[in-house]
């Protein structure tokens, strides 16, 4: 093996080992949604769309706060089999997503089962999912969605962080 071939092999191996995390996104990170640019920005690392998927368990997907933020409430068995997208991301991208989701202070990232369709069969993959765990119980009485879109018929358009009051702490509106 030549040095050039070895360097190419190491480069290929490095890029394979860096892409080690599968993440399920259900809200503003999906394609055609306001925060999708986080997954496509090379400064944030690498993110690659793999497949559409649904949660194996049912969860409540709600829209809350005056900023119309989608939340996946950690209440297994309630709600819907939530539809979203599965991405493969590297360590850098996962750390950037943790910053966006304020993990572990706000959302909590956990591994969960996601059902994806490949050709004519279904497969269950383990993915990181960002849940709101310590939420206010009254959030369970809000309208629950199977699929999120900021421009959906609900009329609750997401307000991006850059347009919010930076001094507004909305966490108490949704967290215990």
C-alpha atoms as a PDB file:
ATOM      1  CA  UNK A   1       0.000   0.000   0.000  1.00  0.00           C
ATOM      2  CA  UNK A   2       1.334   3.403  -0.909  1.00  0.00           C
ATOM      3  CA  UNK A   3       1.347   6.344   1.501  1.00  0.00           C
ATOM      4  CA  UNK A   4      -1.288   8.056  -0.634  1.00  0.00           C
ATOM      5  CA  UNK A   5      -3.576   5.000  -0.453  1.00  0.00           C
ATOM      6  CA  UNK A   6      -3.055   4.805   3.316  1.00  0.00           C
ATOM      7  CA  UNK A   7      -3.940   8.495   3.781  1.00  0.00           C
ATOM      8  CA  UNK A   8      -7.087   7.987   1.680  1.00  0.00           C
ATOM      9  CA  UNK A   9      -8.034   4.940   3.747  1.00  0.00           C
ATOM     10  CA  UNK A  10      -7.515   6.820   7.022  1.00  0.00           C
ATOM     11  CA  UNK A  11      -9.575   9.733   5.692  1.00  0.00           C
ATOM     12  CA  UNK A  12     -12.417   7.382   4.733  1.00  0.00           C
ATOM     13  CA  UNK A  13     -12.241   5.620   8.107  1.00  0.00           C
ATOM     14  CA  UNK A  14     -12.201   8.930   9.985  1.00  0.00           C
ATOM     15  CA  UNK A  15     -15.270  10.204   8.152  1.00  0.00           C
ATOM     16  CA  UNK A  16     -17.077   6.927   8.817  1.00  0.00           C
ATOM     17  CA  UNK A  17     -16.271   6.947  12.533  1.00  0.00           C
ATOM     18  CA  UNK A  18     -17.315  10.586  12.893  1.00  0.00           C
ATOM     19  CA  UNK A  19     -20.799   9.882  11.502  1.00  0.00           C
ATOM     20  CA  UNK A  20     -21.851   7.747  14.437  1.00  0.00           C
ATOM     21  CA  UNK A  21     -25.066   9.277  15.746  1.00  0.00           C
ATOM     22  CA  UNK A  22     -28.602   8.924  14.441  1.00  0.00           C
ATOM     23  CA  UNK A  23     -30.944  11.750  15.437  1.00  0.00           C
ATOM     24  CA  UNK A  24     -34.717  11.853  15.005  1.00  0.00           C
ATOM     25  CA  UNK A  25     -36.052  15.364  14.365  1.00  0.00           C
ATOM     26  CA  UNK A  26     -39.768  16.113  14.577  1.00  0.00           C
ATOM     27  CA  UNK A  27     -40.040  19.906  14.567  1.00  0.00           C
ATOM     28  CA  UNK A  28     -38.199  22.947  13.284  1.00  0.00           C
ATOM     29  CA  UNK A  29     -35.119  20.928  12.244  1.00  0.00           C
ATOM     30  CA  UNK A  30     -36.995  19.002   9.533  1.00  0.00           C
ATOM     31  CA  UNK A  31     -36.568  19.850   5.874  1.00  0.00           C
ATOM     32  CA  UNK A  32     -38.482  23.006   4.854  1.00  0.00           C
ATOM     33  CA  UNK A  33     -38.704  24.141   8.479  1.00  0.00           C
ATOM     34  CA  UNK A  34     -37.130  27.248  10.093  1.00  0.00           C
ATOM     35  CA  UNK A  35     -34.134  25.579  11.826  1.00  0.00           C
ATOM     36  CA  UNK A  36     -33.236  23.036   9.140  1.00  0.00           C
ATOM     37  CA  UNK A  37     -30.209  25.193   8.278  1.00  0.00           C
ATOM     38  CA  UNK A  38     -28.586  23.916  11.508  1.00  0.00           C
ATOM     39  CA  UNK A  39     -28.350  20.439   9.945  1.00  0.00           C
ATOM     40  CA  UNK A  40     -26.959  21.695   6.637  1.00  0.00           C
ATOM     41  CA  UNK A  41     -24.427  24.252   7.895  1.00  0.00           C
ATOM     42  CA  UNK A  42     -20.912  22.772   7.415  1.00  0.00           C
ATOM     43  CA  UNK A  43     -19.674  24.973  10.290  1.00  0.00           C
ATOM     44  CA  UNK A  44     -21.882  22.827  12.556  1.00  0.00           C
ATOM     45  CA  UNK A  45     -20.357  19.547  11.396  1.00  0.00           C
ATOM     46  CA  UNK A  46     -21.886  16.880   9.189  1.00  0.00           C
ATOM     47  CA  UNK A  47     -25.535  15.901   8.932  1.00  0.00           C
ATOM     48  CA  UNK A  48     -26.991  13.527   6.382  1.00  0.00           C
ATOM     49  CA  UNK A  49     -30.679  12.766   5.831  1.00  0.00           C
ATOM     50  CA  UNK A  50     -31.296   9.013   6.043  1.00  0.00           C
ATOM     51  CA  UNK A  51     -35.050   8.430   6.031  1.00  0.00           C
ATOM     52  CA  UNK A  52     -38.438   9.547   7.206  1.00  0.00           C
ATOM     53  CA  UNK A  53     -39.578   7.802  10.348  1.00  0.00           C
ATOM     54  CA  UNK A  54     -42.110   7.619  13.155  1.00  0.00           C
ATOM     55  CA  UNK A  55     -41.729   7.035  16.853  1.00  0.00           C
ATOM     56  CA  UNK A  56     -42.397   3.413  17.785  1.00  0.00           C
ATOM     57  CA  UNK A  57     -44.118   4.635  20.960  1.00  0.00           C
ATOM     58  CA  UNK A  58     -46.818   7.267  21.032  1.00  0.00           C
ATOM     59  CA  UNK A  59     -45.870  10.691  22.407  1.00  0.00           C
ATOM     60  CA  UNK A  60     -47.646  14.047  22.713  1.00  0.00           C
ATOM     61  CA  UNK A  61     -46.258  16.546  20.190  1.00  0.00           C
ATOM     62  CA  UNK A  62     -47.517  20.004  21.113  1.00  0.00           C
ATOM     63  CA  UNK A  63     -46.857  23.617  20.176  1.00  0.00           C
ATOM     64  CA  UNK A  64     -46.246  25.878  23.157  1.00  0.00           C
ATOM     65  CA  UNK A  65     -45.109  29.263  24.459  1.00  0.00           C
ATOM     66  CA  UNK A  66     -45.760  32.567  22.731  1.00  0.00           C
ATOM     67  CA  UNK A  67     -42.960  31.577  20.323  1.00  0.00           C
ATOM     68  CA  UNK A  68     -44.890  28.526  19.057  1.00  0.00           C
ATOM     69  CA  UNK A  69     -42.150  26.009  19.800  1.00  0.00           C
ATOM     70  CA  UNK A  70     -42.831  22.325  19.059  1.00  0.00           C
ATOM     71  CA  UNK A  71     -42.250  20.065  22.067  1.00  0.00           C
ATOM     72  CA  UNK A  72     -42.197  16.295  22.237  1.00  0.00           C
ATOM     73  CA  UNK A  73     -43.405  15.606  25.762  1.00  0.00           C
ATOM     74  CA  UNK A  74     -41.895  12.560  27.434  1.00  0.00           C
ATOM     75  CA  UNK A  75     -45.178  10.828  28.207  1.00  0.00           C
ATOM     76  CA  UNK A  76     -44.916   7.451  26.449  1.00  0.00           C
ATOM     77  CA  UNK A  77     -48.257   5.990  25.385  1.00  0.00           C
ATOM     78  CA  UNK A  78     -50.003   9.367  25.081  1.00  0.00           C
ATOM     79  CA  UNK A  79     -50.467  11.226  21.808  1.00  0.00           C
ATOM     80  CA  UNK A  80     -49.450   9.885  18.406  1.00  0.00           C
ATOM     81  CA  UNK A  81     -46.763   7.928  16.607  1.00  0.00           C
ATOM     82  CA  UNK A  82     -44.945  11.141  15.707  1.00  0.00           C
ATOM     83  CA  UNK A  83     -43.609  11.566  12.182  1.00  0.00           C
ATOM     84  CA  UNK A  84     -40.216  13.076  11.537  1.00  0.00           C
ATOM     85  CA  UNK A  85     -36.849  12.549   9.886  1.00  0.00           C
ATOM     86  CA  UNK A  86     -33.747  10.556  10.766  1.00  0.00           C
ATOM     87  CA  UNK A  87     -30.310  12.088  10.231  1.00  0.00           C
ATOM     88  CA  UNK A  88     -26.852  10.695  10.702  1.00  0.00           C
ATOM     89  CA  UNK A  89     -24.639  13.307  12.359  1.00  0.00           C
ATOM     90  CA  UNK A  90     -21.074  13.572  13.572  1.00  0.00           C
ATOM     91  CA  UNK A  91     -19.949  14.539  17.076  1.00  0.00           C
ATOM     92  CA  UNK A  92     -19.642  18.207  16.138  1.00  0.00           C
ATOM     93  CA  UNK A  93     -23.177  18.399  14.762  1.00  0.00           C
ATOM     94  CA  UNK A  94     -24.582  16.580  17.792  1.00  0.00           C
ATOM     95  CA  UNK A  95     -22.894  19.094  20.091  1.00  0.00           C
ATOM     96  CA  UNK A  96     -24.363  21.991  18.044  1.00  0.00           C
ATOM     97  CA  UNK A  97     -27.834  20.415  18.242  1.00  0.00           C
ATOM     98  CA  UNK A  98     -27.365  20.098  22.004  1.00  0.00           C
ATOM     99  CA  UNK A  99     -26.705  23.851  22.110  1.00  0.00           C
ATOM    100  CA  UNK A 100     -29.792  24.624  20.009  1.00  0.00           C
ATOM    101  CA  UNK A 101     -31.970  22.384  22.196  1.00  0.00           C
ATOM    102  CA  UNK A 102     -30.260  23.507  25.451  1.00  0.00           C
ATOM    103  CA  UNK A 103     -29.625  19.888  26.418  1.00  0.00           C
ATOM    104  CA  UNK A 104     -29.745  18.876  29.266  1.00  0.00           C
ATOM    105  CA  UNK A 105     -31.180  22.039  30.882  1.00  0.00           C
ATOM    106  CA  UNK A 106     -34.294  22.290  28.726  1.00  0.00           C
ATOM    107  CA  UNK A 107     -34.708  19.355  26.380  1.00  0.00           C
ATOM    108  CA  UNK A 108     -33.247  16.008  27.357  1.00  0.00           C
ATOM    109  CA  UNK A 109     -31.660  13.895  24.622  1.00  0.00           C
ATOM    110  CA  UNK A 110     -32.421  10.173  24.919  1.00  0.00           C
ATOM    111  CA  UNK A 111     -32.184   7.105  22.713  1.00  0.00           C
ATOM    112  CA  UNK A 112     -35.564   5.886  21.458  1.00  0.00           C
ATOM    113  CA  UNK A 113     -36.885   3.463  18.848  1.00  0.00           C
ATOM    114  CA  UNK A 114     -37.806   4.976  15.490  1.00  0.00           C
ATOM    115  CA  UNK A 115     -39.541   3.031  12.717  1.00  0.00           C
ATOM    116  CA  UNK A 116     -38.239   3.732   9.222  1.00  0.00           C
ATOM    117  CA  UNK A 117     -39.394   2.285   5.904  1.00  0.00           C
ATOM    118  CA  UNK A 118     -36.729   0.873   3.628  1.00  0.00           C
ATOM    119  CA  UNK A 119     -38.075  -0.206   0.251  1.00  0.00           C
ATOM    120  CA  UNK A 120     -40.786  -2.711   1.116  1.00  0.00           C
ATOM    121  CA  UNK A 121     -39.986  -3.381   4.782  1.00  0.00           C
ATOM    122  CA  UNK A 122     -39.815  -1.519   8.067  1.00  0.00           C
ATOM    123  CA  UNK A 123     -36.805  -1.348  10.330  1.00  0.00           C
ATOM    124  CA  UNK A 124     -36.429  -0.074  13.881  1.00  0.00           C
ATOM    125  CA  UNK A 125     -33.396   2.130  14.487  1.00  0.00           C
ATOM    126  CA  UNK A 126     -32.116   3.583  17.733  1.00  0.00           C
ATOM    127  CA  UNK A 127     -31.962   7.379  17.506  1.00  0.00           C
ATOM    128  CA  UNK A 128     -31.308  10.317  19.753  1.00  0.00           C
ATOM    129  CA  UNK A 129     -34.533  12.240  20.376  1.00  0.00           C
ATOM    130  CA  UNK A 130     -34.925  15.562  22.187  1.00  0.00           C
ATOM    131  CA  UNK A 131     -37.745  15.336  24.755  1.00  0.00           C
ATOM    132  CA  UNK A 132     -39.238  17.811  27.173  1.00  0.00           C
ATOM    133  CA  UNK A 133     -39.224  15.670  30.315  1.00  0.00           C
ATOM    134  CA  UNK A 134     -40.002  17.803  33.368  1.00  0.00           C
ATOM    135  CA  UNK A 135     -43.003  19.525  31.794  1.00  0.00           C
ATOM    136  CA  UNK A 136     -46.039  21.212  33.309  1.00  0.00           C
ATOM    137  CA  UNK A 137     -48.936  18.677  33.392  1.00  0.00           C
ATOM    138  CA  UNK A 138     -51.398  21.113  31.783  1.00  0.00           C
ATOM    139  CA  UNK A 139     -49.398  20.822  28.536  1.00  0.00           C
ATOM    140  CA  UNK A 140     -51.007  17.400  28.039  1.00  0.00           C
ATOM    141  CA  UNK A 141     -54.348  19.158  27.487  1.00  0.00           C
ATOM    142  CA  UNK A 142     -52.993  21.141  24.494  1.00  0.00           C
ATOM    143  CA  UNK A 143     -53.720  20.047  20.930  1.00  0.00           C
ATOM    144  CA  UNK A 144     -51.457  17.148  19.994  1.00  0.00           C
ATOM    145  CA  UNK A 145     -50.026  16.593  16.538  1.00  0.00           C
ATOM    146  CA  UNK A 146     -48.811  13.591  14.578  1.00  0.00           C
ATOM    147  CA  UNK A 147     -46.719  15.747  12.266  1.00  0.00           C
ATOM    148  CA  UNK A 148     -45.328  19.263  12.783  1.00  0.00           C
ATOM    149  CA  UNK A 149     -45.115  22.089  10.281  1.00  0.00           C
ATOM    150  CA  UNK A 150     -44.509  25.716  11.232  1.00  0.00           C
ATOM    151  CA  UNK A 151     -46.838  26.742   8.407  1.00  0.00           C
ATOM    152  CA  UNK A 152     -49.533  24.193   9.304  1.00  0.00           C
ATOM    153  CA  UNK A 153     -53.260  24.836   9.430  1.00  0.00           C
ATOM    154  CA  UNK A 154     -52.962  25.399  13.219  1.00  0.00           C
ATOM    155  CA  UNK A 155     -51.764  28.961  12.439  1.00  0.00           C
ATOM    156  CA  UNK A 156     -49.027  28.815  15.071  1.00  0.00           C
ATOM    157  CA  UNK A 157     -45.971  29.940  13.107  1.00  0.00           C
ATOM    158  CA  UNK A 158     -42.656  29.380  14.905  1.00  0.00           C
ATOM    159  CA  UNK A 159     -40.773  32.526  15.926  1.00  0.00           C
ATOM    160  CA  UNK A 160     -37.036  32.113  15.401  1.00  0.00           C
ATOM    161  CA  UNK A 161     -34.642  32.851  18.277  1.00  0.00           C
ATOM    162  CA  UNK A 162     -33.123  35.832  16.499  1.00  0.00           C
ATOM    163  CA  UNK A 163     -36.539  37.550  16.580  1.00  0.00           C
ATOM    164  CA  UNK A 164     -37.289  36.885  20.272  1.00  0.00           C
ATOM    165  CA  UNK A 165     -36.643  39.028  23.306  1.00  0.00           C
ATOM    166  CA  UNK A 166     -33.291  37.684  24.594  1.00  0.00           C
ATOM    167  CA  UNK A 167     -34.271  38.578  28.179  1.00  0.00           C
ATOM    168  CA  UNK A 168     -37.505  36.568  28.083  1.00  0.00           C
ATOM    169  CA  UNK A 169     -37.215  33.346  30.072  1.00  0.00           C
ATOM    170  CA  UNK A 170     -40.097  31.260  28.747  1.00  0.00           C
ATOM    171  CA  UNK A 171     -38.900  28.018  30.396  1.00  0.00           C
ATOM    172  CA  UNK A 172     -41.347  28.344  33.336  1.00  0.00           C
ATOM    173  CA  UNK A 173     -44.246  28.330  30.837  1.00  0.00           C
ATOM    174  CA  UNK A 174     -43.501  24.697  29.985  1.00  0.00           C
ATOM    175  CA  UNK A 175     -41.207  23.275  32.676  1.00  0.00           C
ATOM    176  CA  UNK A 176     -42.072  22.416  36.283  1.00  0.00           C
END
